[in-house]
N, C-alpha and C. Protein backbone atom coordinates (compact mmCIF):
# COMPACT_ATOMS: atom_id res chain seq x y z
N MET A 1 64.49 71.82 53.09
CA MET A 1 64.81 72.62 51.91
C MET A 1 64.07 73.95 51.97
N ASN A 2 64.77 75.00 51.67
CA ASN A 2 64.16 76.33 51.64
C ASN A 2 63.63 76.60 50.23
N PRO A 3 62.33 76.77 50.07
CA PRO A 3 61.78 76.97 48.71
C PRO A 3 62.26 78.26 48.06
N ASN A 4 62.70 79.24 48.86
CA ASN A 4 63.18 80.50 48.30
C ASN A 4 64.48 80.31 47.54
N ASN A 5 65.27 79.31 47.92
CA ASN A 5 66.56 79.10 47.28
C ASN A 5 66.45 78.28 46.00
N MET A 6 65.28 77.72 45.72
CA MET A 6 65.14 76.83 44.57
C MET A 6 65.41 77.56 43.26
N ASN A 7 65.07 78.85 43.16
CA ASN A 7 65.28 79.59 41.93
C ASN A 7 66.74 79.98 41.75
N ASN A 8 67.46 80.08 42.85
CA ASN A 8 68.87 80.42 42.80
C ASN A 8 69.68 79.21 42.33
N ASN A 9 70.70 79.44 41.48
CA ASN A 9 71.41 78.31 40.90
C ASN A 9 72.26 77.56 41.93
N GLN A 10 72.95 78.29 42.80
CA GLN A 10 73.83 77.61 43.74
C GLN A 10 73.12 77.33 45.07
N GLY A 11 71.91 77.79 45.22
CA GLY A 11 71.17 77.59 46.46
C GLY A 11 70.95 76.13 46.82
N PRO A 12 70.30 75.37 45.94
CA PRO A 12 69.97 73.98 46.28
C PRO A 12 71.20 73.13 46.56
N ILE A 13 72.30 73.38 45.82
CA ILE A 13 73.52 72.60 46.03
C ILE A 13 74.04 72.85 47.45
N GLN A 14 74.07 74.11 47.82
CA GLN A 14 74.53 74.47 49.16
C GLN A 14 73.65 73.81 50.22
N GLU A 15 72.35 73.87 50.00
CA GLU A 15 71.41 73.28 50.95
C GLU A 15 71.64 71.78 51.05
N LYS A 16 71.86 71.15 49.89
CA LYS A 16 72.03 69.70 49.87
C LYS A 16 73.27 69.30 50.67
N GLN A 17 74.36 70.05 50.49
CA GLN A 17 75.59 69.73 51.22
C GLN A 17 75.38 69.82 52.72
N THR A 18 74.75 70.89 53.18
CA THR A 18 74.54 71.03 54.61
C THR A 18 73.59 69.95 55.10
N PHE A 19 72.62 69.59 54.27
CA PHE A 19 71.66 68.56 54.65
C PHE A 19 72.37 67.23 54.87
N PHE A 20 73.25 66.86 53.91
CA PHE A 20 73.95 65.59 54.04
C PHE A 20 74.94 65.62 55.20
N LYS A 21 75.54 66.79 55.43
CA LYS A 21 76.45 66.92 56.56
C LYS A 21 75.70 66.68 57.87
N ARG A 22 74.49 67.29 57.95
CA ARG A 22 73.68 67.12 59.15
C ARG A 22 73.27 65.66 59.31
N LEU A 23 72.91 65.02 58.18
CA LEU A 23 72.49 63.62 58.21
C LEU A 23 73.64 62.74 58.69
N LYS A 24 74.86 63.02 58.21
CA LYS A 24 76.03 62.25 58.60
C LYS A 24 76.30 62.41 60.09
N ASN A 25 76.18 63.66 60.58
CA ASN A 25 76.40 63.90 62.00
C ASN A 25 75.40 63.13 62.85
N ILE A 26 74.13 63.13 62.41
CA ILE A 26 73.11 62.39 63.14
C ILE A 26 73.46 60.91 63.16
N ALA A 27 73.89 60.39 62.01
CA ALA A 27 74.23 58.97 61.93
C ALA A 27 75.39 58.63 62.86
N ILE A 28 76.41 59.48 62.87
CA ILE A 28 77.58 59.23 63.71
C ILE A 28 77.21 59.27 65.19
N THR A 29 76.43 60.28 65.59
CA THR A 29 76.06 60.38 67.00
C THR A 29 75.19 59.20 67.40
N THR A 30 74.30 58.77 66.50
CA THR A 30 73.45 57.62 66.82
C THR A 30 74.29 56.38 66.99
N LYS A 31 75.26 56.18 66.09
CA LYS A 31 76.13 55.01 66.16
C LYS A 31 76.92 55.00 67.46
N ASN A 32 77.50 56.16 67.81
CA ASN A 32 78.29 56.24 69.04
C ASN A 32 77.42 56.01 70.26
N ARG A 33 76.20 56.57 70.24
CA ARG A 33 75.30 56.40 71.37
C ARG A 33 74.94 54.93 71.53
N LEU A 34 74.69 54.26 70.39
CA LEU A 34 74.35 52.84 70.43
C LEU A 34 75.53 52.02 70.95
N LYS A 35 76.74 52.41 70.52
CA LYS A 35 77.93 51.67 70.94
C LYS A 35 78.11 51.76 72.45
N THR A 36 78.00 52.97 72.99
CA THR A 36 78.15 53.13 74.44
C THR A 36 77.02 52.43 75.17
N HIS A 37 75.82 52.46 74.59
CA HIS A 37 74.67 51.80 75.19
C HIS A 37 74.93 50.29 75.27
N MET A 38 75.46 49.71 74.18
CA MET A 38 75.74 48.29 74.16
C MET A 38 76.85 47.95 75.16
N LYS A 39 77.86 48.81 75.23
CA LYS A 39 78.96 48.54 76.16
C LYS A 39 78.47 48.58 77.60
N ASN A 40 77.47 49.42 77.87
CA ASN A 40 76.93 49.47 79.22
C ASN A 40 76.14 48.21 79.54
N HIS A 41 75.54 47.60 78.52
CA HIS A 41 74.72 46.43 78.76
C HIS A 41 75.52 45.15 78.80
N PHE A 42 76.62 45.08 78.05
CA PHE A 42 77.41 43.87 78.02
C PHE A 42 78.80 44.17 78.58
N PRO A 43 79.40 43.20 79.27
CA PRO A 43 80.77 43.40 79.76
C PRO A 43 81.74 43.60 78.60
N ILE A 44 82.82 44.33 78.87
CA ILE A 44 83.80 44.65 77.84
C ILE A 44 84.39 43.36 77.25
N ARG A 45 84.58 42.35 78.11
CA ARG A 45 85.20 41.10 77.68
C ARG A 45 84.37 40.45 76.57
N ILE A 46 83.05 40.39 76.78
CA ILE A 46 82.17 39.79 75.78
C ILE A 46 82.17 40.63 74.52
N TRP A 47 82.16 41.96 74.69
CA TRP A 47 82.15 42.87 73.55
C TRP A 47 83.40 42.65 72.69
N ALA A 48 84.57 42.54 73.35
CA ALA A 48 85.83 42.37 72.62
C ALA A 48 85.83 41.04 71.87
N LYS A 49 85.28 40.00 72.52
CA LYS A 49 85.25 38.69 71.88
C LYS A 49 84.40 38.74 70.61
N GLY A 50 83.28 39.46 70.67
CA GLY A 50 82.38 39.53 69.53
C GLY A 50 82.94 40.39 68.41
N SER A 51 83.68 41.44 68.74
CA SER A 51 84.10 42.40 67.73
C SER A 51 85.25 41.87 66.88
N GLU A 52 85.85 40.75 67.26
CA GLU A 52 86.92 40.19 66.43
C GLU A 52 86.39 39.83 65.05
N LYS A 53 85.18 39.29 65.01
CA LYS A 53 84.58 38.90 63.74
C LYS A 53 83.59 39.94 63.26
N HIS A 54 83.56 41.10 63.90
CA HIS A 54 82.67 42.22 63.55
C HIS A 54 81.21 41.81 63.60
N LYS A 55 80.85 40.98 64.56
CA LYS A 55 79.46 40.56 64.68
C LYS A 55 78.79 41.19 65.88
N GLY A 56 79.53 41.96 66.67
CA GLY A 56 78.94 42.54 67.86
C GLY A 56 79.06 41.59 69.03
N PRO A 57 78.36 41.88 70.12
CA PRO A 57 78.51 41.10 71.35
C PRO A 57 77.96 39.68 71.22
N LYS A 58 78.68 38.74 71.81
CA LYS A 58 78.18 37.37 71.89
C LYS A 58 77.58 37.17 73.27
N ILE A 59 76.44 36.54 73.31
CA ILE A 59 75.80 36.32 74.61
C ILE A 59 75.73 34.82 74.85
């Protein structure tokens, strides 16, 4: 948060939106990175079997 924008009426709202957008992007990239990481560790066949019940890979 930029303290200079706190006195401005539309400043904090704008900052908050970009902050949440950035947070969402981080979350999405982390999720995708984890997904590819898991796929590299487990065979696709096991991954597909686990994802039917949305529980992830079965070992």
